[in-house]
Amino acid sequence: MDNKQEKVRYSDEELQEFKELILAKIEQAKENYDRLKDDIMVDESDPTFKMMEEGATTLQKELASQQAQRQLEFIRKLQAALMRIENKTYGVCRITGKLIPKERLLAVPHATLSMEGKEIEAKKKQKH
């Protein structure tokens, strides 16, 4: 029998490493979200607020709101990645069923597609 069998999942030790990375990213994203939420909730009775143009303040609040929504979405994706770790399916491409390279997961810990899987998905979208 061939001992060079392709790995089908990451080891428990590797999953623990990814879990620690993801938990740290969630913590940072939550801090960013809280900061953005504070930016949105600027105290309009504050004298510095009165000096700013209302239009500029409205734009800043709108941008902060959009960034806050992106942070929430990022947190949701990271939490879904934690669930995949618990289920021991983390790091498996949802299209090809192959392991997503560790380097990709370190860069994009919530990834569910390998580069091969992304290409397949892109080709499907082009056909529709």
N, C-alpha and C. Protein backbone atom coordinates (compact mmCIF):
# COMPACT_ATOMS: atom_id res chain seq x y z
N MET A 1 0.83 -1.20 0.00
CA MET A 1 0.00 0.00 0.00
C MET A 1 0.87 1.26 0.00
N ASP A 2 0.44 2.30 -0.67
CA ASP A 2 1.22 3.52 -0.79
C ASP A 2 1.13 4.36 0.48
N ASN A 3 2.27 4.70 1.07
CA ASN A 3 2.29 5.51 2.30
C ASN A 3 2.17 7.00 2.00
N LYS A 4 2.32 7.39 0.74
CA LYS A 4 2.23 8.80 0.38
C LYS A 4 0.79 9.18 0.03
N GLN A 5 -0.12 8.68 0.80
CA GLN A 5 -1.55 8.98 0.61
C GLN A 5 -1.78 10.48 0.82
N GLU A 6 -2.62 11.07 -0.01
CA GLU A 6 -2.90 12.49 0.12
C GLU A 6 -3.66 12.75 1.42
N LYS A 7 -3.20 13.79 2.13
CA LYS A 7 -3.82 14.16 3.39
C LYS A 7 -5.24 14.66 3.14
N VAL A 8 -6.20 14.17 3.92
CA VAL A 8 -7.61 14.57 3.70
C VAL A 8 -8.08 15.63 4.69
N ARG A 9 -7.34 15.80 5.79
CA ARG A 9 -7.69 16.86 6.72
C ARG A 9 -6.46 17.26 7.53
N TYR A 10 -6.57 18.42 8.16
CA TYR A 10 -5.47 18.88 9.01
C TYR A 10 -5.52 18.14 10.34
N SER A 11 -4.34 17.96 10.94
CA SER A 11 -4.25 17.26 12.23
C SER A 11 -4.89 18.11 13.33
N ASP A 12 -5.20 17.48 14.45
CA ASP A 12 -5.79 18.21 15.58
C ASP A 12 -4.85 19.34 16.03
N GLU A 13 -3.54 19.09 15.98
CA GLU A 13 -2.57 20.12 16.38
C GLU A 13 -2.63 21.31 15.42
N GLU A 14 -2.70 21.01 14.12
CA GLU A 14 -2.80 22.08 13.12
C GLU A 14 -4.11 22.84 13.28
N LEU A 15 -5.19 22.11 13.52
CA LEU A 15 -6.49 22.76 13.72
C LEU A 15 -6.44 23.68 14.93
N GLN A 16 -5.74 23.27 15.98
CA GLN A 16 -5.61 24.11 17.18
C GLN A 16 -4.85 25.40 16.85
N GLU A 17 -3.81 25.29 16.02
CA GLU A 17 -3.06 26.48 15.59
C GLU A 17 -3.98 27.44 14.84
N PHE A 18 -4.76 26.90 13.91
CA PHE A 18 -5.69 27.73 13.16
C PHE A 18 -6.73 28.36 14.09
N LYS A 19 -7.19 27.59 15.07
CA LYS A 19 -8.20 28.09 16.01
C LYS A 19 -7.66 29.29 16.78
N GLU A 20 -6.41 29.19 17.24
CA GLU A 20 -5.81 30.31 17.97
C GLU A 20 -5.67 31.54 17.08
N LEU A 21 -5.27 31.33 15.83
CA LEU A 21 -5.16 32.44 14.88
C LEU A 21 -6.52 33.10 14.66
N ILE A 22 -7.54 32.27 14.46
CA ILE A 22 -8.89 32.79 14.18
C ILE A 22 -9.44 33.52 15.41
N LEU A 23 -9.25 32.98 16.61
CA LEU A 23 -9.73 33.64 17.81
C LEU A 23 -9.07 35.02 17.97
N ALA A 24 -7.79 35.11 17.66
CA ALA A 24 -7.09 36.41 17.74
C ALA A 24 -7.66 37.38 16.71
N LYS A 25 -7.96 36.88 15.51
CA LYS A 25 -8.53 37.74 14.47
C LYS A 25 -9.94 38.19 14.84
N ILE A 26 -10.72 37.31 15.47
CA ILE A 26 -12.07 37.69 15.92
C ILE A 26 -11.96 38.80 16.97
N GLU A 27 -11.04 38.64 17.90
CA GLU A 27 -10.85 39.63 18.96
C GLU A 27 -10.50 40.99 18.35
N GLN A 28 -9.59 41.00 17.41
CA GLN A 28 -9.19 42.25 16.75
C GLN A 28 -10.35 42.84 15.96
N ALA A 29 -11.10 42.01 15.26
CA ALA A 29 -12.23 42.49 14.46
C ALA A 29 -13.31 43.08 15.37
N LYS A 30 -13.52 42.46 16.53
CA LYS A 30 -14.51 43.00 17.48
C LYS A 30 -14.07 44.35 18.02
N GLU A 31 -12.77 44.50 18.28
CA GLU A 31 -12.25 45.80 18.73
C GLU A 31 -12.45 46.85 17.64
N ASN A 32 -12.15 46.48 16.39
CA ASN A 32 -12.36 47.40 15.27
C ASN A 32 -13.83 47.78 15.15
N TYR A 33 -14.71 46.78 15.29
CA TYR A 33 -16.15 47.02 15.19
C TYR A 33 -16.61 47.99 16.29
N ASP A 34 -16.14 47.76 17.53
CA ASP A 34 -16.52 48.64 18.64
C ASP A 34 -16.04 50.07 18.40
N ARG A 35 -14.83 50.21 17.86
CA ARG A 35 -14.28 51.54 17.58
C ARG A 35 -15.12 52.22 16.51
N LEU A 36 -15.48 51.48 15.47
CA LEU A 36 -16.31 52.05 14.40
C LEU A 36 -17.69 52.43 14.92
N LYS A 37 -18.24 51.58 15.79
CA LYS A 37 -19.56 51.87 16.37
C LYS A 37 -19.48 53.17 17.17
N ASP A 38 -18.38 53.35 17.90
CA ASP A 38 -18.20 54.59 18.66
C ASP A 38 -18.12 55.79 17.72
N ASP A 39 -17.46 55.61 16.56
CA ASP A 39 -17.37 56.70 15.58
C ASP A 39 -18.75 57.07 15.06
N ILE A 40 -19.61 56.08 14.91
CA ILE A 40 -20.96 56.32 14.40
C ILE A 40 -21.80 57.06 15.44
N MET A 41 -21.57 56.71 16.70
CA MET A 41 -22.36 57.28 17.80
C MET A 41 -21.73 58.56 18.36
N VAL A 42 -21.16 59.40 17.48
CA VAL A 42 -20.53 60.64 17.92
C VAL A 42 -21.54 61.49 18.67
N ASP A 43 -21.11 62.07 19.76
CA ASP A 43 -22.00 62.90 20.59
C ASP A 43 -22.22 64.24 19.90
N GLU A 44 -23.42 64.45 19.40
CA GLU A 44 -23.71 65.66 18.64
C GLU A 44 -23.78 66.91 19.50
N SER A 45 -23.80 66.77 20.82
CA SER A 45 -23.79 67.95 21.69
C SER A 45 -22.36 68.37 22.01
N ASP A 46 -21.41 67.58 21.61
CA ASP A 46 -19.99 67.86 21.83
C ASP A 46 -19.61 69.11 21.03
N PRO A 47 -18.90 70.08 21.67
CA PRO A 47 -18.52 71.31 20.96
C PRO A 47 -17.70 71.06 19.70
N THR A 48 -16.87 70.01 19.69
CA THR A 48 -16.08 69.74 18.47
C THR A 48 -16.99 69.32 17.33
N PHE A 49 -18.11 68.68 17.65
CA PHE A 49 -19.06 68.29 16.62
C PHE A 49 -19.64 69.53 15.96
N LYS A 50 -19.96 70.53 16.76
CA LYS A 50 -20.58 71.75 16.23
C LYS A 50 -19.64 72.48 15.26
N MET A 51 -18.32 72.30 15.46
CA MET A 51 -17.36 72.96 14.58
C MET A 51 -17.25 72.25 13.24
N MET A 52 -17.58 70.97 13.22
CA MET A 52 -17.46 70.23 11.97
C MET A 52 -18.67 70.49 11.10
N GLU A 53 -18.47 70.41 9.82
CA GLU A 53 -19.61 70.56 8.93
C GLU A 53 -20.49 69.33 9.05
N GLU A 54 -21.78 69.55 9.07
CA GLU A 54 -22.70 68.42 9.21
C GLU A 54 -22.55 67.42 8.08
N GLY A 55 -22.34 67.89 6.87
CA GLY A 55 -22.19 67.00 5.71
C GLY A 55 -21.00 66.07 5.87
N ALA A 56 -19.88 66.63 6.33
CA ALA A 56 -18.67 65.82 6.52
C ALA A 56 -18.92 64.78 7.60
N THR A 57 -19.60 65.16 8.65
CA THR A 57 -19.89 64.24 9.75
C THR A 57 -20.80 63.11 9.26
N THR A 58 -21.81 63.47 8.48
CA THR A 58 -22.72 62.46 7.94
C THR A 58 -21.96 61.47 7.07
N LEU A 59 -21.06 61.97 6.23
CA LEU A 59 -20.26 61.10 5.37
C LEU A 59 -19.37 60.18 6.22
N GLN A 60 -18.73 60.74 7.25
CA GLN A 60 -17.87 59.93 8.13
C GLN A 60 -18.69 58.83 8.81
N LYS A 61 -19.88 59.18 9.26
CA LYS A 61 -20.74 58.18 9.91
C LYS A 61 -21.13 57.09 8.93
N GLU A 62 -21.43 57.49 7.70
CA GLU A 62 -21.82 56.51 6.68
C GLU A 62 -20.66 55.56 6.37
N LEU A 63 -19.46 56.10 6.22
CA LEU A 63 -18.28 55.27 5.97
C LEU A 63 -18.00 54.34 7.14
N ALA A 64 -18.10 54.87 8.35
CA ALA A 64 -17.88 54.05 9.54
C ALA A 64 -18.92 52.94 9.62
N SER A 65 -20.15 53.25 9.23
CA SER A 65 -21.22 52.25 9.24
C SER A 65 -20.93 51.13 8.24
N GLN A 66 -20.47 51.51 7.04
CA GLN A 66 -20.13 50.50 6.04
C GLN A 66 -18.97 49.62 6.52
N GLN A 67 -17.96 50.25 7.12
CA GLN A 67 -16.81 49.49 7.63
C GLN A 67 -17.25 48.58 8.78
N ALA A 68 -18.16 49.06 9.60
CA ALA A 68 -18.66 48.25 10.72
C ALA A 68 -19.40 47.02 10.18
N GLN A 69 -20.19 47.20 9.12
CA GLN A 69 -20.89 46.07 8.51
C GLN A 69 -19.90 45.04 7.96
N ARG A 70 -18.81 45.54 7.34
CA ARG A 70 -17.78 44.63 6.83
C ARG A 70 -17.11 43.86 7.97
N GLN A 71 -16.88 44.53 9.09
CA GLN A 71 -16.28 43.86 10.25
C GLN A 71 -17.21 42.78 10.78
N LEU A 72 -18.51 43.07 10.84
CA LEU A 72 -19.47 42.07 11.30
C LEU A 72 -19.48 40.85 10.39
N GLU A 73 -19.42 41.08 9.08
CA GLU A 73 -19.41 39.99 8.11
C GLU A 73 -18.12 39.15 8.27
N PHE A 74 -16.99 39.83 8.49
CA PHE A 74 -15.71 39.16 8.70
C PHE A 74 -15.78 38.30 9.97
N ILE A 75 -16.35 38.84 11.03
CA ILE A 75 -16.50 38.09 12.29
C ILE A 75 -17.37 36.86 12.05
N ARG A 76 -18.45 37.03 11.31
CA ARG A 76 -19.35 35.90 11.01
C ARG A 76 -18.60 34.80 10.25
N LYS A 77 -17.80 35.19 9.27
CA LYS A 77 -17.04 34.21 8.50
C LYS A 77 -16.01 33.50 9.37
N LEU A 78 -15.37 34.25 10.26
CA LEU A 78 -14.39 33.64 11.17
C LEU A 78 -15.06 32.68 12.13
N GLN A 79 -16.26 33.04 12.61
CA GLN A 79 -16.99 32.15 13.52
C GLN A 79 -17.41 30.87 12.79
N ALA A 80 -17.76 30.99 11.51
CA ALA A 80 -18.10 29.80 10.71
C ALA A 80 -16.85 28.92 10.56
N ALA A 81 -15.70 29.55 10.41
CA ALA A 81 -14.44 28.79 10.32
C ALA A 81 -14.18 28.02 11.61
N LEU A 82 -14.50 28.64 12.75
CA LEU A 82 -14.35 27.94 14.04
C LEU A 82 -15.23 26.70 14.09
N MET A 83 -16.45 26.81 13.54
CA MET A 83 -17.35 25.66 13.50
C MET A 83 -16.75 24.54 12.65
N ARG A 84 -16.13 24.92 11.54
CA ARG A 84 -15.50 23.91 10.68
C ARG A 84 -14.33 23.24 11.41
N ILE A 85 -13.63 24.01 12.25
CA ILE A 85 -12.54 23.42 13.04
C ILE A 85 -13.13 22.39 14.00
N GLU A 86 -14.20 22.76 14.67
CA GLU A 86 -14.85 21.84 15.62
C GLU A 86 -15.32 20.56 14.91
N ASN A 87 -15.81 20.72 13.68
CA ASN A 87 -16.30 19.58 12.90
C ASN A 87 -15.17 18.83 12.18
N LYS A 88 -13.96 19.36 12.30
CA LYS A 88 -12.77 18.79 11.65
C LYS A 88 -12.87 18.81 10.12
N THR A 89 -13.62 19.79 9.60
CA THR A 89 -13.72 19.95 8.15
C THR A 89 -12.99 21.21 7.70
N TYR A 90 -12.36 21.90 8.63
CA TYR A 90 -11.66 23.15 8.32
C TYR A 90 -10.52 22.89 7.34
N GLY A 91 -10.39 23.78 6.37
CA GLY A 91 -9.28 23.69 5.44
C GLY A 91 -9.52 22.78 4.26
N VAL A 92 -10.74 22.25 4.16
CA VAL A 92 -11.08 21.38 3.02
C VAL A 92 -11.88 22.22 2.03
N CYS A 93 -11.41 22.28 0.79
CA CYS A 93 -12.09 23.06 -0.25
C CYS A 93 -13.49 22.50 -0.47
N ARG A 94 -14.48 23.39 -0.46
CA ARG A 94 -15.87 22.94 -0.59
C ARG A 94 -16.23 22.53 -2.01
N ILE A 95 -15.36 22.79 -2.98
CA ILE A 95 -15.61 22.38 -4.36
C ILE A 95 -14.79 21.15 -4.73
N THR A 96 -13.48 21.18 -4.45
CA THR A 96 -12.62 20.08 -4.88
C THR A 96 -12.50 18.97 -3.83
N GLY A 97 -12.78 19.31 -2.56
CA GLY A 97 -12.63 18.32 -1.48
C GLY A 97 -11.18 18.12 -1.06
N LYS A 98 -10.27 18.88 -1.69
CA LYS A 98 -8.86 18.78 -1.35
C LYS A 98 -8.51 19.79 -0.26
N LEU A 99 -7.37 19.55 0.40
CA LEU A 99 -6.93 20.48 1.43
C LEU A 99 -6.51 21.82 0.81
N ILE A 100 -6.95 22.89 1.43
CA ILE A 100 -6.51 24.23 1.05
C ILE A 100 -5.11 24.38 1.64
N PRO A 101 -4.14 24.86 0.86
CA PRO A 101 -2.77 24.99 1.39
C PRO A 101 -2.73 25.86 2.65
N LYS A 102 -1.86 25.44 3.58
CA LYS A 102 -1.74 26.12 4.87
C LYS A 102 -1.42 27.61 4.69
N GLU A 103 -0.59 27.93 3.70
CA GLU A 103 -0.21 29.34 3.47
C GLU A 103 -1.45 30.18 3.17
N ARG A 104 -2.36 29.63 2.37
CA ARG A 104 -3.60 30.36 2.03
C ARG A 104 -4.45 30.56 3.28
N LEU A 105 -4.55 29.52 4.10
CA LEU A 105 -5.36 29.63 5.31
C LEU A 105 -4.76 30.60 6.32
N LEU A 106 -3.45 30.68 6.36
CA LEU A 106 -2.81 31.65 7.26
C LEU A 106 -3.10 33.07 6.80
N ALA A 107 -3.17 33.27 5.49
CA ALA A 107 -3.46 34.59 4.93
C ALA A 107 -4.95 34.91 4.98
N VAL A 108 -5.78 33.89 4.69
CA VAL A 108 -7.25 34.07 4.66
C VAL A 108 -7.86 32.93 5.49
N PRO A 109 -7.85 33.07 6.82
CA PRO A 109 -8.26 31.94 7.67
C PRO A 109 -9.70 31.47 7.52
N HIS A 110 -10.56 32.30 6.90
CA HIS A 110 -11.95 31.91 6.72
C HIS A 110 -12.20 31.34 5.32
N ALA A 111 -11.13 31.10 4.55
CA ALA A 111 -11.27 30.59 3.18
C ALA A 111 -11.97 29.23 3.18
N THR A 112 -12.86 29.04 2.21
CA THR A 112 -13.53 27.75 2.03
C THR A 112 -13.21 27.15 0.67
N LEU A 113 -12.41 27.88 -0.10
CA LEU A 113 -12.04 27.42 -1.44
C LEU A 113 -10.53 27.46 -1.62
N SER A 114 -10.00 26.44 -2.28
CA SER A 114 -8.61 26.47 -2.72
C SER A 114 -8.57 27.36 -3.95
N MET A 115 -7.38 27.68 -4.42
CA MET A 115 -7.30 28.48 -5.65
C MET A 115 -7.94 27.72 -6.82
N GLU A 116 -7.74 26.41 -6.84
CA GLU A 116 -8.37 25.57 -7.88
C GLU A 116 -9.90 25.68 -7.78
N GLY A 117 -10.41 25.61 -6.57
CA GLY A 117 -11.85 25.72 -6.34
C GLY A 117 -12.38 27.08 -6.76
N LYS A 118 -11.61 28.14 -6.49
CA LYS A 118 -12.01 29.49 -6.89
C LYS A 118 -12.11 29.59 -8.41
N GLU A 119 -11.13 28.99 -9.10
CA GLU A 119 -11.14 29.02 -10.56
C GLU A 119 -12.36 28.28 -11.12
N ILE A 120 -12.67 27.13 -10.54
CA ILE A 120 -13.84 26.36 -10.98
C ILE A 120 -15.11 27.18 -10.77
N GLU A 121 -15.22 27.81 -9.59
CA GLU A 121 -16.40 28.62 -9.29
C GLU A 121 -16.51 29.81 -10.24
N ALA A 122 -15.38 30.45 -10.54
CA ALA A 122 -15.38 31.59 -11.46
C ALA A 122 -15.84 31.17 -12.86
N LYS A 123 -15.38 30.01 -13.31
CA LYS A 123 -15.79 29.52 -14.63
C LYS A 123 -17.29 29.23 -14.67
N LYS A 124 -17.83 28.68 -13.58
CA LYS A 124 -19.27 28.42 -13.50
C LYS A 124 -20.05 29.72 -13.60
N LYS A 125 -19.57 30.76 -12.89
CA LYS A 125 -20.27 32.05 -12.89
C LYS A 125 -20.23 32.69 -14.27
N GLN A 126 -19.11 32.49 -14.99
CA GLN A 126 -18.99 33.07 -16.34
C GLN A 126 -19.99 32.44 -17.29
N LYS A 127 -20.30 31.16 -17.09
CA LYS A 127 -21.23 30.46 -17.97
C LYS A 127 -22.67 30.94 -17.75
N HIS A 128 -22.97 31.43 -16.55
CA HIS A 128 -24.36 31.82 -16.24
C HIS A 128 -24.60 33.25 -16.50
